[in-house]
């Protein structure tokens, strides 16, 4: 065979092989893009893992070149997934732009369109990777669980793992964080003092703790009522508390107290480590190499704790950061910092006495005061923005101000409400008429059928309101009032501290005969079209409100 004939034979063979492989790929078109991505991501991850000798930073951008500000990140084998309030992002690898900058391009994965599933994703709160199922589970702020398959058909990748519902009686469960446990999902619920387990084989949740409600707790009872985050590693569940204490629970299977057979948690004490004086934990991460990482968003710091040898060190970041979730890599970790993905290695560890650079507060929020004189911030996560509202299958957008222990003012119907900031009145319900039985029941039924609250119904459920526009993207809303200041008109300018209305129960259904109870103020802060707390978990939201109001009790 001549050299030309042989070369032609090789070329033909290559073309036939290509066509055969292409046909095979398209015959199984649900899998070939994932395979291609894994190869790309593997190279990207190798680069990430090997970059451990200095503090490297990648910009996070979508495929149109716009910055992405995710809240969480997880690793799926060699892939990276990022979570935002309204979608997932799929990491396609590190891309070097023409100007030499390092960028991670993220492909957006939208949730299923409204009506495609029995319930709709409202606002994401947390997510976990399920390795055996090759899927990602997303917990939204209303308490619904969704699953995204990495291997399923394109049009069948989304499904509802569990739709939340109010079946246990008050208080409703409040799932504030999640973690993976042997391909199952653990949900942290401080509201009902419980850790729940969602298994592959059961739609219903299993309780892992006795679940003694907060007002029934006695000395010696297991309590997670002050918990903010949860993690699982090597047969133990770790619970992070607001104080910075870290508790651990062994997971066992069998009978508990002769009444229950299944998984349950047994207290195994605390993880003892030297805690810094001003710890403000917001997120928890456990690495396979037996390290615990605690993210402190407000302190711009990450703590690293050894599980086998509980020595604690810190990584201090500059004051203009926005630290969120992280993943371990090499001898350090990669962490979301706004629209950046930044690396910190072992050589950058610092002592606990290193001076902090606390996170700065948006200038528009620096001078706000609480709208009820003499009140302090509640310590109860269920009344903060981002909490679930199961009676209407929605998400709370404001702060509820009831009576607080030690407060100078007793909150009741008619308690004056003052302007938290100066501005112009853009809504005042002077001639407000509350819902009757028929209207209220219709609204709640509509929420039940839709498994969410429409904007129209949410406005009805706020009741009598006053809105103040302070300019520069800052808007405050005051709801559930019994009446407003009769002098207010749209366009009126009000001073900070001026009385704008009076506490009531309007819009809550408590105004109906025989049901008047629990008067309180529902107070919302909106920045640039989003409620304050949007995209944050409850620990981050509570810390932000503390920074705004902790020392403004006058």
Protein backbone atom coordinates (compact mmCIF):
# COMPACT_ATOMS: atom_id res chain seq x y z
CA UNK A 1 0.00 0.00 0.00
CA UNK A 2 1.46 3.39 -1.00
CA UNK A 3 1.97 6.22 1.49
CA UNK A 4 -0.85 8.28 -0.08
CA UNK A 5 -3.24 5.32 -0.04
CA UNK A 6 -2.33 4.57 3.58
CA UNK A 7 -2.83 8.24 4.56
CA UNK A 8 -6.23 8.29 2.82
CA UNK A 9 -7.19 5.08 4.65
CA UNK A 10 -6.26 6.64 8.02
CA UNK A 11 -8.29 9.79 7.26
CA UNK A 12 -11.35 7.75 6.25
CA UNK A 13 -11.03 5.61 9.35
CA UNK A 14 -10.89 8.75 11.52
CA UNK A 15 -14.02 10.18 9.84
CA UNK A 16 -15.95 6.93 10.31
CA UNK A 17 -14.87 6.75 13.95
CA UNK A 18 -15.97 10.35 14.53
CA UNK A 19 -19.37 9.73 12.93
CA UNK A 20 -19.85 6.59 14.98
CA UNK A 21 -18.99 8.33 18.25
CA UNK A 22 -21.19 11.31 17.35
CA UNK A 23 -24.12 9.02 16.69
CA UNK A 24 -23.53 7.27 20.01
CA UNK A 25 -23.41 10.60 21.79
CA UNK A 26 -26.59 11.89 20.22
CA UNK A 27 -28.29 8.54 20.84
CA UNK A 28 -27.66 9.20 24.53
CA UNK A 29 -27.76 12.98 24.43
CA UNK A 30 -28.71 13.25 28.11
CA UNK A 31 -25.23 12.18 29.20
CA UNK A 32 -22.65 13.40 26.73
CA UNK A 33 -22.70 17.09 27.81
CA UNK A 34 -22.12 16.06 31.41
CA UNK A 35 -19.17 13.89 30.36
CA UNK A 36 -17.69 16.78 28.44
CA UNK A 37 -18.18 19.08 31.40
CA UNK A 38 -16.60 16.64 33.86
CA UNK A 39 -13.47 16.50 31.75
CA UNK A 40 -13.34 20.30 31.66
CA UNK A 41 -14.12 20.64 35.34
CA UNK A 42 -11.53 18.03 36.27
CA UNK A 43 -8.81 20.15 34.66
CA UNK A 44 -10.20 23.25 36.34
CA UNK A 45 -10.35 21.55 39.73
CA UNK A 46 -6.82 20.25 39.34
CA UNK A 47 -5.76 23.85 38.81
CA UNK A 48 -7.77 24.94 41.86
CA UNK A 49 -6.33 22.23 44.11
CA UNK A 50 -2.79 22.91 42.99
CA UNK A 51 -3.02 26.64 43.64
CA UNK A 52 -2.17 26.48 47.32
CA UNK A 53 0.95 28.54 47.75
CA UNK A 54 -0.63 31.97 47.54
CA UNK A 55 -3.95 33.77 47.83
CA UNK A 56 -5.50 33.36 44.38
CA UNK A 57 -8.79 34.93 43.28
CA UNK A 58 -11.16 34.14 40.43
CA UNK A 59 -13.95 36.39 39.26
CA UNK A 60 -17.38 34.73 39.04
CA UNK A 61 -19.23 35.62 35.86
CA UNK A 62 -22.09 34.19 33.83
CA UNK A 63 -21.83 33.35 30.16
CA UNK A 64 -22.78 36.92 29.22
CA UNK A 65 -19.87 38.31 31.26
CA UNK A 66 -22.06 39.65 34.08
CA UNK A 67 -20.88 39.24 37.70
CA UNK A 68 -22.49 36.47 39.75
CA UNK A 69 -23.01 36.81 43.53
CA UNK A 70 -23.82 33.30 44.82
CA UNK A 71 -24.52 32.43 48.44
CA UNK A 72 -23.24 28.83 48.57
CA UNK A 73 -20.88 26.45 46.80
CA UNK A 74 -20.54 22.66 46.80
CA UNK A 75 -18.28 20.22 45.03
CA UNK A 76 -19.71 17.37 42.96
CA UNK A 77 -16.77 15.08 42.23
CA UNK A 78 -14.58 17.44 40.21
CA UNK A 79 -17.36 19.91 39.47
CA UNK A 80 -18.41 23.05 41.29
CA UNK A 81 -21.99 24.20 41.72
CA UNK A 82 -23.00 27.59 43.07
CA UNK A 83 -26.39 28.55 44.51
CA UNK A 84 -28.22 31.84 44.22
CA UNK A 85 -31.67 32.85 45.46
CA UNK A 86 -33.33 32.03 42.12
CA UNK A 87 -31.09 29.55 40.29
CA UNK A 88 -28.13 27.19 40.27
CA UNK A 89 -24.86 27.89 38.49
CA UNK A 90 -22.69 25.20 36.96
CA UNK A 91 -18.95 25.83 36.91
CA UNK A 92 -17.41 25.31 33.49
CA UNK A 93 -13.84 25.79 34.68
CA UNK A 94 -11.30 28.53 35.01
CA UNK A 95 -11.10 30.79 31.99
CA UNK A 96 -8.32 33.25 31.40
CA UNK A 97 -9.60 36.40 29.76
CA UNK A 98 -7.67 38.37 27.14
CA UNK A 99 -6.64 40.94 29.77
CA UNK A 100 -4.98 38.23 31.86
CA UNK A 101 -7.60 38.15 34.60
CA UNK A 102 -8.67 34.83 36.11
CA UNK A 103 -12.38 34.12 35.70
CA UNK A 104 -14.70 31.21 36.42
CA UNK A 105 -17.51 31.11 33.88
CA UNK A 106 -20.76 29.85 35.42
CA UNK A 107 -23.59 28.38 33.36
CA UNK A 108 -27.02 29.22 34.74
CA UNK A 109 -29.43 26.39 35.54
CA UNK A 110 -32.92 27.77 36.01
CA UNK A 111 -35.43 26.07 38.30
CA UNK A 112 -38.45 24.49 36.59
CA UNK A 113 -40.97 27.05 35.32
CA UNK A 114 -44.02 27.83 37.43
CA UNK A 115 -46.59 25.08 36.96
CA UNK A 116 -44.09 22.44 35.81
CA UNK A 117 -43.99 20.86 39.28
CA UNK A 118 -46.53 20.60 42.08
CA UNK A 119 -44.80 23.46 43.92
CA UNK A 120 -42.51 26.27 42.76
CA UNK A 121 -39.07 27.21 44.05
CA UNK A 122 -39.45 30.56 45.85
CA UNK A 123 -36.06 31.60 47.25
CA UNK A 124 -33.18 29.21 47.80
CA UNK A 125 -31.72 28.85 51.29
CA UNK A 126 -29.24 25.93 51.21
CA UNK A 127 -28.21 22.94 49.11
CA UNK A 128 -26.34 19.63 49.40
CA UNK A 129 -24.71 17.16 47.02
CA UNK A 130 -26.02 13.57 47.14
CA UNK A 131 -23.15 11.48 45.69
CA UNK A 132 -24.84 8.08 45.32
CA UNK A 133 -27.92 9.59 43.72
CA UNK A 134 -25.78 11.93 41.58
CA UNK A 135 -28.03 14.84 42.34
CA UNK A 136 -28.27 18.13 44.19
CA UNK A 137 -30.99 18.85 46.74
CA UNK A 138 -32.10 22.46 47.23
CA UNK A 139 -33.90 23.75 50.32
CA UNK A 140 -35.89 26.92 49.75
CA UNK A 141 -36.93 29.41 52.41
CA UNK A 142 -40.51 28.18 52.51
CA UNK A 143 -39.18 24.76 53.54
CA UNK A 144 -39.74 22.91 50.26
CA UNK A 145 -37.08 20.44 49.05
CA UNK A 146 -36.20 20.10 45.36
CA UNK A 147 -33.81 17.71 43.61
CA UNK A 148 -31.79 18.32 40.45
CA UNK A 149 -30.45 15.16 38.81
CA UNK A 150 -27.05 15.37 37.15
CA UNK A 151 -27.75 12.29 35.05
CA UNK A 152 -31.45 12.39 34.19
CA UNK A 153 -33.08 13.43 30.96
CA UNK A 154 -32.95 17.17 30.37
CA UNK A 155 -36.71 17.60 30.72
CA UNK A 156 -36.85 15.41 33.85
CA UNK A 157 -33.94 16.67 35.89
CA UNK A 158 -36.08 18.56 38.40
CA UNK A 159 -38.46 16.98 40.90
CA UNK A 160 -40.01 17.88 44.24
CA UNK A 161 -38.44 15.84 47.03
CA UNK A 162 -40.86 17.14 49.64
CA UNK A 163 -43.45 19.93 49.76
CA UNK A 164 -43.54 21.55 53.18
CA UNK A 165 -46.78 21.72 55.14
CA UNK A 166 -48.15 22.72 58.52
CA UNK A 167 -49.13 19.35 60.00
CA UNK A 168 -47.43 19.27 63.40
CA UNK A 169 -49.30 22.10 65.06
CA UNK A 170 -47.65 25.25 66.42
CA UNK A 171 -44.89 26.08 66.08
CA UNK A 172 -44.41 25.29 62.41
CA UNK A 173 -41.03 23.73 61.54
CA UNK A 174 -38.29 26.12 60.42
CA UNK A 175 -35.58 24.43 58.34
CA UNK A 176 -32.72 26.91 58.39
CA UNK A 177 -29.83 24.71 57.18
CA UNK A 178 -29.16 21.33 55.58
CA UNK A 179 -26.35 18.77 55.27
CA UNK A 180 -25.82 15.42 53.56
CA UNK A 181 -25.71 12.22 55.65
CA UNK A 182 -25.07 8.95 53.79
CA UNK A 183 -26.97 10.23 50.75
CA UNK A 184 -29.84 11.41 52.94
CA UNK A 185 -30.58 14.98 54.02
CA UNK A 186 -30.46 16.38 57.56
CA UNK A 187 -32.49 19.53 58.23
CA UNK A 188 -31.82 21.81 61.20
CA UNK A 189 -35.01 23.09 62.86
CA UNK A 190 -34.42 25.31 65.93
CA UNK A 191 -38.11 26.31 65.97
CA UNK A 192 -39.22 22.81 66.97
CA UNK A 193 -35.87 21.95 68.61
CA UNK A 194 -35.29 19.17 66.11
CA UNK A 195 -32.96 17.66 63.53
CA UNK A 196 -34.98 16.01 60.77
CA UNK A 197 -33.88 13.28 58.37
CA UNK A 198 -35.19 13.08 54.80
CA UNK A 199 -34.38 9.62 53.43
CA UNK A 200 -34.56 8.25 49.90
CA UNK A 201 -37.25 5.77 50.87
CA UNK A 202 -39.64 8.04 52.78
CA UNK A 203 -41.47 11.23 51.90
CA UNK A 204 -42.06 11.99 55.59
CA UNK A 205 -39.31 13.35 57.79
CA UNK A 206 -37.83 11.34 60.65
CA UNK A 207 -37.00 13.09 63.93
CA UNK A 208 -33.45 12.50 65.21
CA UNK A 209 -33.91 14.29 68.56
CA UNK A 210 -36.60 14.00 71.25
CA UNK A 211 -37.87 17.41 70.10
CA UNK A 212 -38.86 18.97 73.42
CA UNK A 213 -40.37 22.33 72.49
CA UNK A 214 -38.56 25.45 73.68
CA UNK A 215 -41.05 26.43 76.38
CA UNK A 216 -40.97 22.89 77.84
CA UNK A 217 -37.18 22.53 78.06
CA UNK A 218 -35.70 21.47 81.38
CA UNK A 219 -32.15 21.13 82.63
CA UNK A 220 -30.45 18.29 80.80
CA UNK A 221 -32.79 18.27 77.78
CA UNK A 222 -31.20 18.27 74.34
CA UNK A 223 -31.59 21.68 72.73
CA UNK A 224 -30.76 23.07 69.28
CA UNK A 225 -33.00 26.13 69.69
CA UNK A 226 -29.96 28.43 69.43
CA UNK A 227 -28.38 26.61 66.47
CA UNK A 228 -27.43 28.31 63.20
CA UNK A 229 -25.76 25.62 61.05
CA UNK A 230 -25.34 21.85 60.73
CA UNK A 231 -22.83 19.40 59.25
CA UNK A 232 -22.14 15.66 59.13
CA UNK A 233 -18.88 13.71 59.04
CA UNK A 234 -17.90 10.14 59.88
CA UNK A 235 -21.03 9.14 61.77
CA UNK A 236 -21.44 12.36 63.71
CA UNK A 237 -23.72 15.37 63.29
CA UNK A 238 -22.19 18.72 64.24
CA UNK A 239 -24.38 21.65 65.28
CA UNK A 240 -23.04 25.21 65.35
CA UNK A 241 -24.64 27.58 67.85
CA UNK A 242 -24.97 31.35 67.74
CA UNK A 243 -22.51 31.64 70.64
CA UNK A 244 -19.88 29.75 68.66
CA UNK A 245 -20.24 26.54 70.68
CA UNK A 246 -20.00 23.41 68.53
CA UNK A 247 -21.98 20.36 69.67
CA UNK A 248 -21.69 16.85 68.26
CA UNK A 249 -24.20 14.00 68.14
CA UNK A 250 -23.59 10.37 67.32
CA UNK A 251 -26.01 8.85 64.81
CA UNK A 252 -27.40 5.44 65.79
CA UNK A 253 -30.07 3.11 64.50
CA UNK A 254 -32.53 1.15 66.63
CA UNK A 255 -35.16 1.68 69.32
CA UNK A 256 -35.24 4.94 71.29
CA UNK A 257 -37.00 4.97 74.65
CA UNK A 258 -38.88 1.85 73.60
CA UNK A 259 -41.23 3.88 71.37
CA UNK A 260 -39.36 4.54 68.16
CA UNK A 261 -37.28 2.47 65.77
CA UNK A 262 -35.03 4.16 63.25
CA UNK A 263 -32.16 6.67 63.14
CA UNK A 264 -31.63 8.94 66.14
CA UNK A 265 -28.96 11.26 67.55
CA UNK A 266 -27.19 10.86 70.88
CA UNK A 267 -25.44 13.88 72.45
CA UNK A 268 -21.66 13.45 72.57
CA UNK A 269 -20.69 16.75 74.15
CA UNK A 270 -18.90 19.75 72.71
CA UNK A 271 -15.98 20.17 70.35
CA UNK A 272 -13.59 21.88 72.70
CA UNK A 273 -11.43 24.54 71.13
CA UNK A 274 -10.19 27.95 72.14
CA UNK A 275 -12.89 30.32 70.97
CA UNK A 276 -12.15 33.95 70.15
CA UNK A 277 -13.97 36.52 72.28
CA UNK A 278 -16.07 38.09 69.54
CA UNK A 279 -17.11 35.08 67.48
CA UNK A 280 -20.10 35.66 65.16
CA UNK A 281 -20.69 32.40 63.25
CA UNK A 282 -22.80 32.27 60.10
CA UNK A 283 -21.85 29.05 58.23
CA UNK A 284 -20.27 25.66 58.94
CA UNK A 285 -18.23 23.34 56.72
CA UNK A 286 -16.66 19.94 57.54
CA UNK A 287 -13.82 18.66 55.35
CA UNK A 288 -12.90 15.05 54.66
CA UNK A 289 -9.43 15.65 56.16
CA UNK A 290 -10.99 16.19 59.62
CA UNK A 291 -11.13 19.96 59.76
CA UNK A 292 -14.04 22.16 60.73
CA UNK A 293 -14.40 25.59 59.13
CA UNK A 294 -16.61 28.30 60.63
CA UNK A 295 -17.38 31.34 58.48
CA UNK A 296 -17.95 34.65 60.27
CA UNK A 297 -19.44 36.99 57.69
CA UNK A 298 -19.70 40.02 59.97
CA UNK A 299 -16.16 39.56 61.31
CA UNK A 300 -14.61 38.89 57.87
CA UNK A 301 -12.95 35.83 59.33
CA UNK A 302 -12.83 32.05 58.91
CA UNK A 303 -11.94 29.75 61.82
CA UNK A 304 -10.23 26.41 61.19
CA UNK A 305 -10.55 23.74 63.90
CA UNK A 306 -8.97 20.30 63.93
CA UNK A 307 -11.40 17.51 64.84
CA UNK A 308 -8.79 15.06 66.15
CA UNK A 309 -6.63 17.79 67.67
CA UNK A 310 -8.98 20.74 68.28
CA UNK A 311 -6.50 23.52 67.67
CA UNK A 312 -8.13 26.67 66.32
CA UNK A 313 -6.55 29.12 63.89
CA UNK A 314 -8.05 31.97 61.90
CA UNK A 315 -7.98 33.52 58.44
CA UNK A 316 -8.68 37.25 58.56
CA UNK A 317 -10.01 39.04 55.48
CA UNK A 318 -10.17 42.79 54.65
CA UNK A 319 -13.10 44.91 55.80
CA UNK A 320 -14.76 45.24 52.40
CA UNK A 321 -15.43 41.50 51.98
CA UNK A 322 -18.69 39.55 51.79
CA UNK A 323 -17.83 36.02 52.93
CA UNK A 324 -20.31 33.23 52.30
CA UNK A 325 -19.85 29.48 51.74
CA UNK A 326 -16.58 27.58 51.17
CA UNK A 327 -15.11 24.27 50.01
CA UNK A 328 -11.87 22.73 51.25
CA UNK A 329 -9.06 22.24 48.73
CA UNK A 330 -5.51 21.12 49.30
CA UNK A 331 -4.31 22.46 52.64
CA UNK A 332 -6.75 25.37 52.56
CA UNK A 333 -10.11 26.40 51.15
CA UNK A 334 -11.88 28.36 48.45
CA UNK A 335 -14.51 30.80 49.67
CA UNK A 336 -17.19 32.94 48.02
CA UNK A 337 -16.42 36.61 48.58
CA UNK A 338 -19.06 38.64 46.79
CA UNK A 339 -18.51 37.95 43.09
CA UNK A 340 -15.04 36.48 43.74
CA UNK A 341 -13.88 32.96 44.57
CA UNK A 342 -10.81 33.35 46.77
CA UNK A 343 -8.24 30.85 48.05
CA UNK A 344 -6.65 30.80 51.51
CA UNK A 345 -3.85 28.34 52.21
CA UNK A 346 -2.24 27.02 55.36
CA UNK A 347 0.58 29.53 55.08
CA UNK A 348 -1.92 32.37 55.64
CA UNK A 349 -3.26 31.04 58.98
CA UNK A 350 -3.18 33.55 61.83
CA UNK A 351 -3.69 33.47 65.59
CA UNK A 352 -7.00 34.14 67.27
CA UNK A 353 -5.71 37.44 68.64
CA UNK A 354 -5.18 38.86 65.15
CA UNK A 355 -7.03 42.14 64.79
CA UNK A 356 -10.30 41.87 62.90
CA UNK A 357 -11.59 43.98 60.03
CA UNK A 358 -15.34 43.90 60.75
CA UNK A 359 -17.67 44.04 57.80
CA UNK A 360 -18.81 47.55 56.96
CA UNK A 361 -22.47 48.54 57.04
CA UNK A 362 -24.19 50.05 54.01
CA UNK A 363 -24.25 53.82 54.62
CA UNK A 364 -27.99 53.91 53.94
CA UNK A 365 -28.59 51.67 56.97
CA UNK A 366 -26.24 53.30 59.46
CA UNK A 367 -28.68 55.73 61.08
CA UNK A 368 -31.88 53.66 61.23
CA UNK A 369 -33.72 53.30 64.55
CA UNK A 370 -36.20 50.64 65.66
CA UNK A 371 -39.73 51.84 64.92
CA UNK A 372 -41.03 51.12 68.45
CA UNK A 373 -39.46 53.16 71.25
CA UNK A 374 -37.80 51.16 74.02
CA UNK A 375 -37.78 47.85 72.13
CA UNK A 376 -34.77 45.65 71.43
CA UNK A 377 -34.18 43.09 68.71
CA UNK A 378 -35.78 39.68 69.21
CA UNK A 379 -33.51 36.65 69.51
CA UNK A 380 -35.98 34.39 67.74
CA UNK A 381 -35.07 33.55 64.11
CA UNK A 382 -38.67 32.85 63.13
CA UNK A 383 -39.62 36.55 63.25
CA UNK A 384 -36.77 37.76 60.97
CA UNK A 385 -36.80 38.30 57.21
CA UNK A 386 -36.29 35.05 55.33
CA UNK A 387 -38.26 32.89 57.78
CA UNK A 388 -40.97 30.58 56.44
CA UNK A 389 -44.67 31.48 56.73
CA UNK A 390 -46.40 28.15 56.32
CA UNK A 391 -49.95 29.36 56.88
CA UNK A 392 -49.65 31.08 53.48
CA UNK A 393 -46.77 29.00 52.03
CA UNK A 394 -44.57 32.07 51.72
CA UNK A 395 -41.40 33.77 52.89
CA UNK A 396 -41.34 36.48 55.56
CA UNK A 397 -39.96 39.76 54.23
CA UNK A 398 -39.84 41.75 57.47
CA UNK A 399 -39.08 41.83 61.19
CA UNK A 400 -41.91 41.22 63.67
CA UNK A 401 -41.69 43.32 66.84
CA UNK A 402 -43.62 41.82 69.76
CA UNK A 403 -42.95 42.31 73.45
CA UNK A 404 -39.32 41.65 74.31
CA UNK A 405 -38.02 40.67 77.78
CA UNK A 406 -36.72 43.75 79.57
CA UNK A 407 -38.22 46.17 77.05
CA UNK A 408 -39.29 49.57 78.37
CA UNK A 409 -42.46 49.63 76.30
CA UNK A 410 -45.23 47.01 76.38
CA UNK A 411 -46.36 46.39 72.79
CA UNK A 412 -50.15 46.35 72.50
CA UNK A 413 -52.85 47.55 70.16
CA UNK A 414 -52.39 51.32 69.85
CA UNK A 415 -48.67 51.43 70.69
CA UNK A 416 -47.15 54.29 68.62
CA UNK A 417 -45.01 53.38 65.62
CA UNK A 418 -42.31 55.84 64.59
CA UNK A 419 -40.43 56.37 61.35
CA UNK A 420 -37.17 54.42 61.36
CA UNK A 421 -35.71 57.00 58.98
CA UNK A 422 -36.66 60.30 57.40
CA UNK A 423 -38.27 60.31 53.99
CA UNK A 424 -41.36 60.86 51.91
CA UNK A 425 -44.67 59.05 52.42
CA UNK A 426 -45.49 56.97 49.33
CA UNK A 427 -48.32 54.96 50.88
CA UNK A 428 -50.65 55.67 53.79
CA UNK A 429 -53.84 53.63 54.29
CA UNK A 430 -56.00 56.40 55.73
CA UNK A 431 -59.33 54.81 54.79
CA UNK A 432 -58.25 51.22 55.43
CA UNK A 433 -60.89 48.50 55.73
CA UNK A 434 -59.69 45.09 56.86
CA UNK A 435 -60.67 41.73 55.38
CA UNK A 436 -63.80 39.97 56.58
CA UNK A 437 -64.18 36.21 57.12
CA UNK A 438 -65.00 35.54 53.48
CA UNK A 439 -62.10 37.52 52.03
CA UNK A 440 -59.54 36.21 54.52
CA UNK A 441 -60.58 32.58 53.93
CA UNK A 442 -60.46 33.10 50.16
CA UNK A 443 -56.93 34.54 50.37
CA UNK A 444 -55.65 31.67 52.52
CA UNK A 445 -57.28 29.12 50.20
CA UNK A 446 -55.62 30.71 47.18
CA UNK A 447 -52.25 30.49 48.95
CA UNK A 448 -52.93 26.83 49.77
CA UNK A 449 -53.88 25.92 46.21
CA UNK A 450 -50.89 27.74 44.69
CA UNK A 451 -48.52 26.67 47.51
CA UNK A 452 -47.21 30.23 47.56
CA UNK A 453 -48.39 33.78 48.23
CA UNK A 454 -49.10 36.05 45.28
CA UNK A 455 -47.96 39.69 45.53
CA UNK A 456 -51.59 40.78 45.72
CA UNK A 457 -52.44 38.43 48.59
CA UNK A 458 -49.24 39.25 50.44
CA UNK A 459 -50.23 42.90 50.36
CA UNK A 460 -53.68 42.08 51.75
CA UNK A 461 -52.07 40.05 54.53
CA UNK A 462 -49.91 43.01 55.55
CA UNK A 463 -53.09 44.87 56.45
CA UNK A 464 -53.00 48.61 57.18
CA UNK A 465 -49.67 50.07 56.06
CA UNK A 466 -47.40 53.10 55.77
CA UNK A 467 -44.47 53.20 53.34
CA UNK A 468 -41.60 55.69 53.51
CA UNK A 469 -39.23 56.30 50.60
CA UNK A 470 -35.92 57.68 51.87
CA UNK A 471 -34.36 57.92 48.42
CA UNK A 472 -31.20 56.26 47.15
CA UNK A 473 -32.95 52.87 46.96
CA UNK A 474 -34.08 52.72 50.62
CA UNK A 475 -37.76 51.99 51.35
CA UNK A 476 -39.32 51.05 54.72
CA UNK A 477 -42.75 49.46 55.23
CA UNK A 478 -44.81 49.38 58.44
CA UNK A 479 -47.65 46.83 58.49
CA UNK A 480 -50.47 45.31 60.63
CA UNK A 481 -51.29 48.81 61.92
CA UNK A 482 -54.66 49.47 63.56
CA UNK A 483 -54.61 52.97 62.07
CA UNK A 484 -52.22 55.50 60.58
CA UNK A 485 -51.42 59.07 61.56
CA UNK A 486 -54.34 61.03 60.08
CA UNK A 487 -52.03 63.93 59.16
CA UNK A 488 -50.03 61.86 56.69
CA UNK A 489 -50.63 62.20 52.98
CA UNK A 490 -48.80 60.80 49.99
CA UNK A 491 -45.92 63.17 49.34
CA UNK A 492 -45.66 64.28 52.99
CA UNK A 493 -42.10 64.45 54.30
CA UNK A 494 -41.59 62.89 57.74
CA UNK A 495 -38.72 63.16 60.19
CA UNK A 496 -37.00 60.18 61.76
CA UNK A 497 -38.82 59.28 64.97
CA UNK A 498 -42.10 60.92 63.96
CA UNK A 499 -45.24 58.90 64.77
CA UNK A 500 -46.67 57.44 61.58
CA UNK A 501 -49.20 54.91 62.91
CA UNK A 502 -50.19 52.55 65.72
CA UNK A 503 -49.64 48.82 66.34
CA UNK A 504 -52.53 46.48 65.49
CA UNK A 505 -53.40 43.08 64.04
CA UNK A 506 -54.77 44.10 60.63
CA UNK A 507 -54.28 41.63 57.80
CA UNK A 508 -53.48 38.74 60.16
CA UNK A 509 -56.98 37.36 60.59
CA UNK A 510 -56.72 38.22 64.28
CA UNK A 511 -59.07 41.15 63.72
CA UNK A 512 -61.96 38.73 63.24
CA UNK A 513 -64.40 38.36 66.16
CA UNK A 514 -63.01 36.31 69.03
CA UNK A 515 -59.51 36.12 67.52
CA UNK A 516 -57.87 39.43 68.46
CA UNK A 517 -54.50 38.56 70.00
CA UNK A 518 -50.75 39.02 69.51
CA UNK A 519 -50.63 42.64 68.27
CA UNK A 520 -47.27 43.41 66.71
CA UNK A 521 -45.52 45.52 64.10
CA UNK A 522 -44.36 43.95 60.85
CA UNK A 523 -41.41 46.09 59.70
CA UNK A 524 -39.72 45.72 56.31
CA UNK A 525 -36.53 47.32 54.99
CA UNK A 526 -36.04 47.28 51.22
CA UNK A 527 -32.77 48.12 49.46
CA UNK A 528 -32.61 48.45 45.69
CA UNK A 529 -35.85 46.52 45.19
CA UNK A 530 -35.04 43.57 47.48
CA UNK A 531 -36.06 43.05 51.10
CA UNK A 532 -33.16 43.21 53.54
CA UNK A 533 -32.22 39.57 54.05
CA UNK A 534 -32.87 38.45 50.48
CA UNK A 535 -30.17 35.98 49.47
CA UNK A 536 -28.91 35.62 53.07
CA UNK A 537 -29.45 32.74 55.47
CA UNK A 538 -31.11 33.48 58.82
CA UNK A 539 -27.83 33.63 60.75
CA UNK A 540 -26.49 36.24 58.30
CA UNK A 541 -29.76 38.20 58.40
CA UNK A 542 -29.90 38.29 62.21
CA UNK A 543 -26.28 39.45 62.37
CA UNK A 544 -27.00 42.22 59.85
CA UNK A 545 -29.97 43.48 61.89
CA UNK A 546 -27.83 43.37 65.03
CA UNK A 547 -25.29 45.63 63.35
CA UNK A 548 -28.02 48.09 62.39
CA UNK A 549 -30.02 48.19 65.63
CA UNK A 550 -28.10 46.59 68.51
CA UNK A 551 -27.13 49.87 70.08
CA UNK A 552 -30.15 51.91 69.04
CA UNK A 553 -32.68 51.22 71.79
CA UNK A 554 -33.46 54.76 72.79
